[in-house]
C-alpha atoms as a PDB file:
ATOM      1  CA  MET A   1       0.219  16.510   7.021  1.00  0.00           C
ATOM      2  CA  SER A   2       3.171  18.837   6.280  1.00  0.00           C
ATOM      3  CA  VAL A   3       6.192  17.824   4.222  1.00  0.00           C
ATOM      4  CA  ALA A   4       8.293  18.207   7.384  1.00  0.00           C
ATOM      5  CA  THR A   5       6.129  15.750   9.337  1.00  0.00           C
ATOM      6  CA  LYS A   6       6.143  13.275   6.476  1.00  0.00           C
ATOM      7  CA  THR A   7      10.060  13.648   6.090  1.00  0.00           C
ATOM      8  CA  ASP A   8      10.509  13.168   9.867  1.00  0.00           C
ATOM      9  CA  LYS A   9       8.395   9.982  10.011  1.00  0.00           C
ATOM     10  CA  ILE A  10      10.287   8.538   7.040  1.00  0.00           C
ATOM     11  CA  GLN A  11      13.672   9.311   8.399  1.00  0.00           C
ATOM     12  CA  ARG A  12      12.908   7.946  11.724  1.00  0.00           C
ATOM     13  CA  LEU A  13      12.030   4.588  10.190  1.00  0.00           C
ATOM     14  CA  ALA A  14      15.070   4.677   7.842  1.00  0.00           C
ATOM     15  CA  GLU A  15      17.213   5.215  11.017  1.00  0.00           C
ATOM     16  CA  LEU A  16      16.101   1.874  12.629  1.00  0.00           C
ATOM     17  CA  THR A  17      18.340   0.003  10.265  1.00  0.00           C
ATOM     18  CA  ALA A  18      21.445   1.651  11.762  1.00  0.00           C
ATOM     19  CA  VAL A  19      21.103  -0.692  14.873  1.00  0.00           C
ATOM     20  CA  LYS A  20      22.133  -4.197  13.611  1.00  0.00           C
ATOM     21  CA  GLU A  21      22.456  -6.011  16.796  1.00  0.00           C
ATOM     22  CA  THR A  22      20.471  -5.841  20.098  1.00  0.00           C
ATOM     23  CA  SER A  23      21.863  -6.001  23.651  1.00  0.00           C
ATOM     24  CA  THR A  24      21.390  -9.638  23.708  1.00  0.00           C
ATOM     25  CA  GLY A  25      23.445 -10.281  20.539  1.00  0.00           C
ATOM     26  CA  ALA A  26      20.535 -11.274  18.327  1.00  0.00           C
ATOM     27  CA  SER A  27      20.049  -9.849  14.913  1.00  0.00           C
ATOM     28  CA  LEU A  28      17.681  -7.116  14.429  1.00  0.00           C
ATOM     29  CA  TRP A  29      15.219  -9.160  12.332  1.00  0.00           C
ATOM     30  CA  ARG A  30      15.292 -12.153  14.650  1.00  0.00           C
ATOM     31  CA  GLU A  31      14.478  -9.899  17.533  1.00  0.00           C
ATOM     32  CA  ALA A  32      11.819  -8.236  15.527  1.00  0.00           C
ATOM     33  CA  LEU A  33      10.211 -11.568  14.676  1.00  0.00           C
ATOM     34  CA  ARG A  34      10.323 -12.605  18.277  1.00  0.00           C
ATOM     35  CA  ARG A  35       8.395  -9.508  19.190  1.00  0.00           C
ATOM     36  CA  LEU A  36       5.992  -9.919  16.350  1.00  0.00           C
ATOM     37  CA  ARG A  37       4.927 -13.432  17.595  1.00  0.00           C
ATOM     38  CA  HIS A  38       3.919 -11.764  20.918  1.00  0.00           C
ATOM     39  CA  SER A  39       2.244  -8.785  19.374  1.00  0.00           C
ATOM     40  CA  LYS A  40      -1.668  -9.008  19.392  1.00  0.00           C
ATOM     41  CA  MET A  41      -1.658  -6.233  16.894  1.00  0.00           C
ATOM     42  CA  ALA A  42       0.513  -8.138  14.443  1.00  0.00           C
ATOM     43  CA  ILE A  43      -1.515 -11.319  14.996  1.00  0.00           C
ATOM     44  CA  VAL A  44      -4.858  -9.630  14.240  1.00  0.00           C
ATOM     45  CA  GLY A  45      -3.517  -7.724  11.256  1.00  0.00           C
ATOM     46  CA  ALA A  46      -1.882 -11.029   9.928  1.00  0.00           C
ATOM     47  CA  VAL A  47      -5.216 -12.779  10.272  1.00  0.00           C
ATOM     48  CA  ILE A  48      -7.176 -10.170   8.391  1.00  0.00           C
ATOM     49  CA  ILE A  49      -4.626 -10.108   5.601  1.00  0.00           C
ATOM     50  CA  ALA A  50      -4.701 -13.986   5.303  1.00  0.00           C
ATOM     51  CA  LEU A  51      -8.462 -14.059   5.183  1.00  0.00           C
ATOM     52  CA  PHE A  52      -8.406 -11.326   2.587  1.00  0.00           C
ATOM     53  CA  LEU A  53      -5.820 -13.086   0.515  1.00  0.00           C
ATOM     54  CA  VAL A  54      -7.803 -16.412   0.627  1.00  0.00           C
ATOM     55  CA  LEU A  55     -10.921 -14.516  -0.467  1.00  0.00           C
ATOM     56  CA  ALA A  56      -9.132 -12.873  -3.378  1.00  0.00           C
ATOM     57  CA  ILE A  57      -7.820 -16.265  -4.509  1.00  0.00           C
ATOM     58  CA  VAL A  58     -10.835 -18.616  -4.126  1.00  0.00           C
ATOM     59  CA  GLY A  59     -13.505 -15.876  -4.250  1.00  0.00           C
ATOM     60  CA  PRO A  60     -14.224 -16.188  -8.078  1.00  0.00           C
ATOM     61  CA  TYR A  61     -14.407 -19.931  -7.734  1.00  0.00           C
ATOM     62  CA  VAL A  62     -16.778 -20.060  -4.810  1.00  0.00           C
ATOM     63  CA  ALA A  63     -19.199 -17.255  -5.878  1.00  0.00           C
ATOM     64  CA  PRO A  64     -22.686 -18.685  -6.021  1.00  0.00           C
ATOM     65  CA  TYR A  65     -23.672 -16.654  -9.024  1.00  0.00           C
ATOM     66  CA  SER A  66     -22.034 -14.690 -11.862  1.00  0.00           C
ATOM     67  CA  PRO A  67     -20.954 -11.268 -10.706  1.00  0.00           C
ATOM     68  CA  THR A  68     -22.276  -9.762 -14.090  1.00  0.00           C
ATOM     69  CA  ALA A  69     -25.559 -11.747 -14.518  1.00  0.00           C
ATOM     70  CA  GLN A  70     -28.727  -9.581 -14.015  1.00  0.00           C
ATOM     71  CA  THR A  71     -30.795 -12.616 -13.034  1.00  0.00           C
ATOM     72  CA  TRP A  72     -33.111 -10.815 -10.702  1.00  0.00           C
ATOM     73  CA  ARG A  73     -33.389  -7.737 -12.789  1.00  0.00           C
ATOM     74  CA  ASN A  74     -37.202  -7.681 -12.834  1.00  0.00           C
ATOM     75  CA  GLU A  75     -37.200  -7.745  -8.882  1.00  0.00           C
ATOM     76  CA  VAL A  76     -35.609  -4.421  -8.449  1.00  0.00           C
ATOM     77  CA  PHE A  77     -37.015  -1.080  -9.390  1.00  0.00           C
ATOM     78  CA  PRO A  78     -34.318   1.612  -8.587  1.00  0.00           C
ATOM     79  CA  ASN A  79     -36.432   4.502  -9.981  1.00  0.00           C
ATOM     80  CA  ARG A  80     -39.143   3.689  -7.473  1.00  0.00           C
ATOM     81  CA  GLY A  81     -36.689   2.976  -4.701  1.00  0.00           C
ATOM     82  CA  GLU A  82     -37.568  -0.718  -4.430  1.00  0.00           C
ATOM     83  CA  PHE A  83     -34.745  -3.019  -3.755  1.00  0.00           C
ATOM     84  CA  VAL A  84     -34.262  -6.598  -2.541  1.00  0.00           C
ATOM     85  CA  GLY A  85     -32.372  -6.891   0.735  1.00  0.00           C
ATOM     86  CA  ALA A  86     -30.638  -9.938   2.216  1.00  0.00           C
ATOM     87  CA  ARG A  87     -32.412 -13.311   1.712  1.00  0.00           C
ATOM     88  CA  GLY A  88     -31.742 -16.968   1.555  1.00  0.00           C
ATOM     89  CA  GLU A  89     -30.641 -16.984  -2.014  1.00  0.00           C
ATOM     90  CA  ASN A  90     -28.882 -13.653  -1.972  1.00  0.00           C
ATOM     91  CA  TRP A  91     -27.024 -13.054   1.374  1.00  0.00           C
ATOM     92  CA  PHE A  92     -26.200  -9.523   0.692  1.00  0.00           C
ATOM     93  CA  GLY A  93     -29.165  -8.693  -1.316  1.00  0.00           C
ATOM     94  CA  LEU A  94     -29.303  -7.359  -4.882  1.00  0.00           C
ATOM     95  CA  ASP A  95     -27.847  -4.250  -6.461  1.00  0.00           C
ATOM     96  CA  HIS A  96     -29.674  -1.814  -8.612  1.00  0.00           C
ATOM     97  CA  LEU A  97     -29.380  -4.134 -11.748  1.00  0.00           C
ATOM     98  CA  GLY A  98     -30.434  -7.265 -10.028  1.00  0.00           C
ATOM     99  CA  ARG A  99     -26.977  -8.704  -9.563  1.00  0.00           C
ATOM    100  CA  ASP A 100     -26.024 -10.821  -6.446  1.00  0.00           C
ATOM    101  CA  VAL A 101     -24.010  -8.426  -4.135  1.00  0.00           C
ATOM    102  CA  PHE A 102     -22.324 -11.328  -2.258  1.00  0.00           C
ATOM    103  CA  SER A 103     -20.969 -12.716  -5.551  1.00  0.00           C
ATOM    104  CA  ARG A 104     -19.690  -9.317  -6.581  1.00  0.00           C
ATOM    105  CA  MET A 105     -17.993  -8.819  -3.204  1.00  0.00           C
ATOM    106  CA  LEU A 106     -16.155 -12.253  -3.490  1.00  0.00           C
ATOM    107  CA  VAL A 107     -14.981 -11.531  -7.081  1.00  0.00           C
ATOM    108  CA  GLY A 108     -14.266  -7.872  -6.402  1.00  0.00           C
ATOM    109  CA  ALA A 109     -11.699  -8.729  -3.654  1.00  0.00           C
ATOM    110  CA  ARG A 110      -9.435  -9.968  -6.358  1.00  0.00           C
ATOM    111  CA  GLN A 111      -9.494  -6.609  -8.279  1.00  0.00           C
ATOM    112  CA  THR A 112      -9.090  -4.673  -4.980  1.00  0.00           C
ATOM    113  CA  LEU A 113      -6.053  -6.774  -4.152  1.00  0.00           C
ATOM    114  CA  LEU A 114      -4.637  -6.410  -7.747  1.00  0.00           C
ATOM    115  CA  VAL A 115      -4.927  -2.681  -7.578  1.00  0.00           C
ATOM    116  CA  GLY A 116      -3.350  -2.398  -4.182  1.00  0.00           C
ATOM    117  CA  VAL A 117      -0.369  -4.757  -5.045  1.00  0.00           C
ATOM    118  CA  VAL A 118       0.387  -3.346  -8.517  1.00  0.00           C
ATOM    119  CA  ALA A 119       0.156   0.256  -7.311  1.00  0.00           C
ATOM    120  CA  THR A 120       2.582  -0.603  -4.374  1.00  0.00           C
ATOM    121  CA  LEU A 121       5.071  -2.412  -6.625  1.00  0.00           C
ATOM    122  CA  ILE A 122       5.104   0.650  -9.156  1.00  0.00           C
ATOM    123  CA  GLY A 123       5.995   2.968  -6.235  1.00  0.00           C
ATOM    124  CA  LEU A 124       8.377   0.491  -4.756  1.00  0.00           C
ATOM    125  CA  ILE A 125      10.358  -0.333  -7.870  1.00  0.00           C
ATOM    126  CA  ILE A 126      10.726   3.360  -9.122  1.00  0.00           C
ATOM    127  CA  GLY A 127      11.200   4.631  -5.626  1.00  0.00           C
ATOM    128  CA  PHE A 128      13.879   2.054  -4.916  1.00  0.00           C
ATOM    129  CA  LEU A 129      15.874   3.044  -7.998  1.00  0.00           C
ATOM    130  CA  ILE A 130      15.579   6.750  -7.269  1.00  0.00           C
ATOM    131  CA  GLY A 131      16.482   6.239  -3.566  1.00  0.00           C
ATOM    132  CA  GLY A 132      19.182   3.876  -4.393  1.00  0.00           C
ATOM    133  CA  VAL A 133      20.874   6.277  -6.601  1.00  0.00           C
ATOM    134  CA  SER A 134      20.441   9.091  -4.425  1.00  0.00           C
ATOM    135  CA  GLY A 135      21.620   7.031  -1.368  1.00  0.00           C
ATOM    136  CA  ALA A 136      24.746   5.852  -3.167  1.00  0.00           C
ATOM    137  CA  ALA A 137      25.727   9.319  -4.435  1.00  0.00           C
ATOM    138  CA  ALA A 138      25.297  10.767  -0.983  1.00  0.00           C
ATOM    139  CA  THR A 139      27.153   7.886   0.868  1.00  0.00           C
ATOM    140  CA  LEU A 140      30.032   7.311  -1.512  1.00  0.00           C
ATOM    141  CA  GLY A 141      29.858   9.785  -4.203  1.00  0.00           C
ATOM    142  CA  GLY A 142      32.023  12.627  -2.681  1.00  0.00           C
ATOM    143  CA  ASP A 143      31.164  16.239  -3.297  1.00  0.00           C
ATOM    144  CA  ALA A 144      29.717  15.596  -6.708  1.00  0.00           C
ATOM    145  CA  GLY A 145      27.594  12.735  -5.381  1.00  0.00           C
ATOM    146  CA  LYS A 146      26.215  15.084  -2.688  1.00  0.00           C
ATOM    147  CA  ARG A 147      25.179  17.510  -5.357  1.00  0.00           C
ATOM    148  CA  VAL A 148      23.302  14.920  -7.293  1.00  0.00           C
ATOM    149  CA  ASP A 149      21.493  13.679  -4.122  1.00  0.00           C
ATOM    150  CA  SER A 150      20.539  17.187  -3.276  1.00  0.00           C
ATOM    151  CA  VAL A 151      18.963  17.682  -6.676  1.00  0.00           C
ATOM    152  CA  ILE A 152      17.012  14.453  -6.463  1.00  0.00           C
ATOM    153  CA  MET A 153      15.831  15.022  -2.942  1.00  0.00           C
ATOM    154  CA  ARG A 154      14.462  18.527  -3.776  1.00  0.00           C
ATOM    155  CA  PHE A 155      12.443  16.955  -6.514  1.00  0.00           C
ATOM    156  CA  ILE A 156      11.254  14.284  -4.080  1.00  0.00           C
ATOM    157  CA  ASP A 157      10.453  16.919  -1.527  1.00  0.00           C
ATOM    158  CA  MET A 158       8.258  18.689  -4.048  1.00  0.00           C
ATOM    159  CA  MET A 159       6.369  15.554  -4.507  1.00  0.00           C
ATOM    160  CA  LEU A 160       6.029  14.952  -0.792  1.00  0.00           C
ATOM    161  CA  ALA A 161       4.667  18.571  -0.398  1.00  0.00           C
ATOM    162  CA  LEU A 162       1.672  17.757  -2.526  1.00  0.00           C
ATOM    163  CA  PRO A 163      -1.355  16.041  -0.795  1.00  0.00           C
ATOM    164  CA  SER A 164      -1.161  12.571  -1.993  1.00  0.00           C
ATOM    165  CA  LEU A 165      -4.868  12.168  -3.073  1.00  0.00           C
ATOM    166  CA  LEU A 166      -4.676  15.435  -4.881  1.00  0.00           C
ATOM    167  CA  LEU A 167      -1.644  14.341  -6.731  1.00  0.00           C
ATOM    168  CA  ALA A 168      -3.380  10.919  -7.661  1.00  0.00           C
ATOM    169  CA  VAL A 169      -6.499  12.728  -8.806  1.00  0.00           C
ATOM    170  CA  SER A 170      -4.368  14.947 -10.993  1.00  0.00           C
ATOM    171  CA  ILE A 171      -2.585  12.186 -12.623  1.00  0.00           C
ATOM    172  CA  ALA A 172      -5.738  10.153 -13.123  1.00  0.00           C
ATOM    173  CA  ALA A 173      -7.581  13.063 -14.678  1.00  0.00           C
ATOM    174  CA  VAL A 174      -4.790  13.625 -17.238  1.00  0.00           C
ATOM    175  CA  MET A 175      -4.485   9.927 -18.217  1.00  0.00           C
ATOM    176  CA  GLY A 176      -8.092   9.206 -18.479  1.00  0.00           C
ATOM    177  CA  GLN A 177     -10.530   6.744 -16.824  1.00  0.00           C
ATOM    178  CA  SER A 178      -9.273   3.159 -16.546  1.00  0.00           C
ATOM    179  CA  LEU A 179      -8.226   0.587 -13.933  1.00  0.00           C
ATOM    180  CA  THR A 180      -4.452   0.960 -15.149  1.00  0.00           C
ATOM    181  CA  THR A 181      -4.832   4.751 -14.651  1.00  0.00           C
ATOM    182  CA  VAL A 182      -5.571   4.120 -11.031  1.00  0.00           C
ATOM    183  CA  MET A 183      -2.793   1.792 -10.321  1.00  0.00           C
ATOM    184  CA  ILE A 184      -0.262   4.218 -12.083  1.00  0.00           C
ATOM    185  CA  ALA A 185      -1.731   7.320 -10.294  1.00  0.00           C
ATOM    186  CA  VAL A 186      -1.592   5.517  -6.713  1.00  0.00           C
ATOM    187  CA  GLY A 187       1.734   4.096  -7.417  1.00  0.00           C
ATOM    188  CA  VAL A 188       3.354   7.407  -8.470  1.00  0.00           C
ATOM    189  CA  VAL A 189       2.143   8.911  -5.071  1.00  0.00           C
ATOM    190  CA  GLN A 190       4.230   6.106  -3.316  1.00  0.00           C
ATOM    191  CA  ILE A 191       7.413   6.840  -5.245  1.00  0.00           C
ATOM    192  CA  PRO A 192       8.697   9.723  -3.065  1.00  0.00           C
ATOM    193  CA  VAL A 193       8.069   7.765   0.062  1.00  0.00           C
ATOM    194  CA  PHE A 194      10.071   4.683  -0.858  1.00  0.00           C
ATOM    195  CA  ALA A 195      12.773   6.928  -2.460  1.00  0.00           C
ATOM    196  CA  ARG A 196      13.408   8.966   0.659  1.00  0.00           C
ATOM    197  CA  LEU A 197      13.078   6.159   2.981  1.00  0.00           C
ATOM    198  CA  LEU A 198      15.837   3.855   1.205  1.00  0.00           C
ATOM    199  CA  ARG A 199      18.097   6.940   0.696  1.00  0.00           C
ATOM    200  CA  GLY A 200      17.776   7.695   4.572  1.00  0.00           C
ATOM    201  CA  ALA A 201      18.414   4.055   5.379  1.00  0.00           C
ATOM    202  CA  MET A 202      21.510   3.967   3.170  1.00  0.00           C
ATOM    203  CA  LEU A 203      22.740   7.098   4.711  1.00  0.00           C
ATOM    204  CA  ALA A 204      22.457   5.530   8.191  1.00  0.00           C
ATOM    205  CA  GLN A 205      24.356   2.441   7.023  1.00  0.00           C
ATOM    206  CA  GLY A 206      27.105   4.623   5.334  1.00  0.00           C
ATOM    207  CA  GLY A 207      29.003   5.139   8.479  1.00  0.00           C
ATOM    208  CA  ALA A 208      28.706   1.694   9.727  1.00  0.00           C
ATOM    209  CA  ASP A 209      32.004  -0.236  10.707  1.00  0.00           C
ATOM    210  CA  TYR A 210      31.599  -2.745   7.769  1.00  0.00           C
ATOM    211  CA  VAL A 211      31.496  -0.048   5.321  1.00  0.00           C
ATOM    212  CA  LEU A 212      34.649   1.668   6.663  1.00  0.00           C
ATOM    213  CA  ALA A 213      36.506  -1.669   6.765  1.00  0.00           C
ATOM    214  CA  ALA A 214      35.463  -2.356   3.152  1.00  0.00           C
ATOM    215  CA  ARG A 215      36.612   1.005   1.982  1.00  0.00           C
ATOM    216  CA  SER A 216      39.951   0.609   3.873  1.00  0.00           C
ATOM    217  CA  LEU A 217      40.479  -2.782   2.085  1.00  0.00           C
ATOM    218  CA  GLY A 218      40.127  -1.082  -1.364  1.00  0.00           C
ATOM    219  CA  VAL A 219      36.647  -2.633  -2.095  1.00  0.00           C
ATOM    220  CA  ARG A 220      34.978  -0.952  -5.167  1.00  0.00           C
ATOM    221  CA  LYS A 221      32.296   1.586  -4.159  1.00  0.00           C
ATOM    222  CA  ARG A 222      29.759   0.055  -6.441  1.00  0.00           C
ATOM    223  CA  ARG A 223      30.327  -3.428  -4.893  1.00  0.00           C
ATOM    224  CA  ILE A 224      29.909  -1.833  -1.260  1.00  0.00           C
ATOM    225  CA  VAL A 225      26.654  -0.154  -2.227  1.00  0.00           C
ATOM    226  CA  VAL A 226      25.180  -3.231  -4.000  1.00  0.00           C
ATOM    227  CA  SER A 227      26.349  -6.109  -1.781  1.00  0.00           C
ATOM    228  CA  GLN A 228      26.515  -4.417   1.592  1.00  0.00           C
ATOM    229  CA  ILE A 229      24.663  -1.038   2.089  1.00  0.00           C
ATOM    230  CA  VAL A 230      21.555  -1.775  -0.055  1.00  0.00           C
ATOM    231  CA  PRO A 231      20.846  -5.226   1.405  1.00  0.00           C
ATOM    232  CA  ASN A 232      21.151  -3.827   5.028  1.00  0.00           C
ATOM    233  CA  SER A 233      18.873  -0.974   4.240  1.00  0.00           C
ATOM    234  CA  LEU A 234      15.796  -2.957   3.142  1.00  0.00           C
ATOM    235  CA  SER A 235      14.153  -3.471   6.707  1.00  0.00           C
ATOM    236  CA  PRO A 236      12.138  -0.185   6.662  1.00  0.00           C
ATOM    237  CA  VAL A 237      11.299  -0.503   2.947  1.00  0.00           C
ATOM    238  CA  ILE A 238       9.557  -3.860   3.709  1.00  0.00           C
ATOM    239  CA  VAL A 239       7.660  -2.321   6.508  1.00  0.00           C
ATOM    240  CA  GLN A 240       6.707   0.693   4.510  1.00  0.00           C
ATOM    241  CA  ALA A 241       5.366  -1.659   1.704  1.00  0.00           C
ATOM    242  CA  THR A 242       3.042  -3.172   4.079  1.00  0.00           C
ATOM    243  CA  LEU A 243       1.636   0.167   5.185  1.00  0.00           C
ATOM    244  CA  SER A 244       1.474   1.296   1.549  1.00  0.00           C
ATOM    245  CA  LEU A 245      -0.732  -1.458   0.499  1.00  0.00           C
ATOM    246  CA  ALA A 246      -3.376  -0.267   2.934  1.00  0.00           C
ATOM    247  CA  THR A 247      -2.913   3.387   1.601  1.00  0.00           C
ATOM    248  CA  ALA A 248      -2.968   2.118  -1.961  1.00  0.00           C
ATOM    249  CA  ILE A 249      -6.332   0.334  -1.462  1.00  0.00           C
ATOM    250  CA  ILE A 250      -7.887   3.290   0.201  1.00  0.00           C
ATOM    251  CA  GLU A 251      -6.673   5.878  -2.488  1.00  0.00           C
ATOM    252  CA  ALA A 252      -7.704   3.449  -5.364  1.00  0.00           C
ATOM    253  CA  ALA A 253     -11.187   3.270  -3.867  1.00  0.00           C
ATOM    254  CA  ALA A 254     -11.311   7.155  -3.518  1.00  0.00           C
ATOM    255  CA  LEU A 255     -10.368   7.562  -7.217  1.00  0.00           C
ATOM    256  CA  SER A 256     -13.011   4.998  -8.265  1.00  0.00           C
ATOM    257  CA  TYR A 257     -15.430   7.001  -5.948  1.00  0.00           C
ATOM    258  CA  LEU A 258     -14.651  10.167  -7.861  1.00  0.00           C
ATOM    259  CA  GLY A 259     -15.396   8.444 -11.253  1.00  0.00           C
ATOM    260  CA  LEU A 260     -11.705   7.915 -12.179  1.00  0.00           C
ATOM    261  CA  GLY A 261     -11.593   4.145 -11.912  1.00  0.00           C
ATOM    262  CA  ASN A 262     -12.628   1.313 -14.179  1.00  0.00           C
ATOM    263  CA  PRO A 263     -14.975   2.647 -16.661  1.00  0.00           C
ATOM    264  CA  ASP A 264     -16.654  -0.777 -17.030  1.00  0.00           C
ATOM    265  CA  PRO A 265     -19.244  -0.999 -14.259  1.00  0.00           C
ATOM    266  CA  ALA A 266     -19.794  -4.727 -14.941  1.00  0.00           C
ATOM    267  CA  ILE A 267     -16.330  -5.557 -13.455  1.00  0.00           C
ATOM    268  CA  PRO A 268     -16.682  -5.818  -9.812  1.00  0.00           C
ATOM    269  CA  GLU A 269     -14.401  -3.827  -7.650  1.00  0.00           C
ATOM    270  CA  TRP A 270     -15.134  -2.509  -4.192  1.00  0.00           C
ATOM    271  CA  GLY A 271     -14.402   1.002  -5.009  1.00  0.00           C
ATOM    272  CA  VAL A 272     -16.522   0.984  -8.054  1.00  0.00           C
ATOM    273  CA  MET A 273     -19.409  -0.801  -6.102  1.00  0.00           C
ATOM    274  CA  LEU A 274     -19.115   1.941  -3.615  1.00  0.00           C
ATOM    275  CA  THR A 275     -19.471   4.556  -6.367  1.00  0.00           C
ATOM    276  CA  GLN A 276     -22.425   2.989  -7.852  1.00  0.00           C
ATOM    277  CA  ALA A 277     -24.151   2.523  -4.394  1.00  0.00           C
ATOM    278  CA  GLN A 278     -24.071   6.217  -3.497  1.00  0.00           C
ATOM    279  CA  ARG A 279     -26.962   7.083  -5.902  1.00  0.00           C
ATOM    280  CA  PHE A 280     -29.236   4.684  -3.939  1.00  0.00           C
ATOM    281  CA  PHE A 281     -27.975   5.087  -0.417  1.00  0.00           C
ATOM    282  CA  ASP A 282     -31.283   6.452   0.935  1.00  0.00           C
ATOM    283  CA  ASN A 283     -33.267   3.364  -0.149  1.00  0.00           C
ATOM    284  CA  ALA A 284     -30.582   0.756  -0.168  1.00  0.00           C
ATOM    285  CA  PRO A 285     -27.771   1.733   2.337  1.00  0.00           C
ATOM    286  CA  MET A 286     -26.418  -1.728   2.613  1.00  0.00           C
ATOM    287  CA  MET A 287     -25.341  -1.722  -1.021  1.00  0.00           C
ATOM    288  CA  ALA A 288     -22.549   0.950   0.062  1.00  0.00           C
ATOM    289  CA  VAL A 289     -21.895  -0.551   3.549  1.00  0.00           C
ATOM    290  CA  TYR A 290     -20.701  -3.912   2.342  1.00  0.00           C
ATOM    291  CA  PRO A 291     -17.882  -2.637   0.063  1.00  0.00           C
ATOM    292  CA  ALA A 292     -16.982   0.083   2.560  1.00  0.00           C
ATOM    293  CA  VAL A 293     -16.606  -2.287   5.290  1.00  0.00           C
ATOM    294  CA  GLY A 294     -14.449  -4.557   3.134  1.00  0.00           C
ATOM    295  CA  ILE A 295     -12.149  -1.683   2.226  1.00  0.00           C
ATOM    296  CA  ILE A 296     -11.941  -0.467   5.914  1.00  0.00           C
ATOM    297  CA  ILE A 297     -11.116  -3.922   7.301  1.00  0.00           C
ATOM    298  CA  THR A 298      -8.607  -4.716   4.727  1.00  0.00           C
ATOM    299  CA  ALA A 299      -6.747  -1.458   5.063  1.00  0.00           C
ATOM    300  CA  LEU A 300      -6.937  -2.006   8.870  1.00  0.00           C
ATOM    301  CA  GLY A 301      -5.253  -5.328   8.532  1.00  0.00           C
ATOM    302  CA  PHE A 302      -2.331  -4.103   6.501  1.00  0.00           C
ATOM    303  CA  THR A 303      -1.930  -1.065   8.835  1.00  0.00           C
ATOM    304  CA  LEU A 304      -1.980  -3.201  12.008  1.00  0.00           C
ATOM    305  CA  LEU A 305       0.709  -5.433  10.668  1.00  0.00           C
ATOM    306  CA  GLY A 306       2.782  -2.478   9.344  1.00  0.00           C
ATOM    307  CA  GLU A 307       2.620  -0.667  12.570  1.00  0.00           C
ATOM    308  CA  ALA A 308       3.553  -3.802  14.471  1.00  0.00           C
ATOM    309  CA  MET A 309       6.595  -4.224  12.216  1.00  0.00           C
ATOM    310  CA  ARG A 310       7.685  -0.672  12.749  1.00  0.00           C
ATOM    311  CA  GLU A 311       7.452  -1.096  16.507  1.00  0.00           C
ATOM    312  CA  ALA A 312       9.278  -4.413  16.460  1.00  0.00           C
ATOM    313  CA  LEU A 313      12.145  -2.908  14.584  1.00  0.00           C
ATOM    314  CA  ASP A 314      12.348   0.104  16.914  1.00  0.00           C
ATOM    315  CA  PRO A 315      15.141  -0.581  19.529  1.00  0.00           C
ATOM    316  CA  LYS A 316      13.530   2.073  21.716  1.00  0.00           C
ATOM    317  CA  LEU A 317      10.616   0.002  22.162  1.00  0.00           C
ATOM    318  CA  LYS A 318      12.326  -3.279  23.212  1.00  0.00           C
ATOM    319  CA  GLY A 319      10.557  -5.264  25.893  1.00  0.00           C
END
């Protein structure tokens, strides 16, 4: 995807906050919630996310076996291509070290969620600060502020021009192999998206009547930004955070698959499990299928909900 396409999509989402009331007089968020309740896409996404959250919370406590115990080590012979598939006591079979795959999937859900949430928070917080400064400078900073905004946005455009996975791989390769590295690398990739999104939303709000009224009454510019413009610019940021969770989970799994994830293979995480399974795919394909399906379904849930929220906030799609 080109930087122009990325920028256009972000700008379109940012502009949605410029419409504060619908034709019926209802607030934008109230109307959006009404449409979400009737959206099959939103309901399916919310159900998937809820199941994933429950799994991540209770999984380690309901797992039938220890995810690290090599209890059935003498039953698998990876060198000879002999593995144990699904059976009564091991619902998803055994991995190459004789560990229960079902237990590892349950415990690994929490690690996968942790990586996605922390990475998204890193991108959200830093992007929020950069975008807030840039938006405030462009909206109420005069000529000097516009120059500051221009410098910041050129740097953000440079980041957006780089393929996200390539940027994440480069950061992870420099920082070294660890779970923290994966979260930071994926989080950094999200920074320019949140920064440009908040900045665009603030620009859309900058010409609103309430801003002009506040300025005419002599309200300080800092107060206008903090108490009026920023709160009214959060709608697209919240939507993007939902979509970014899906992206973060996929990119974290990709980094783990490339060998840049957690160096401790004993700690179950779906991306790491997928990496370990690739060597034995010919003889035990289900070892790779289970974590892959988990990643795909989870990412799908966040994507469906995020896209439903985006459509619900778009006044052009009212129905």
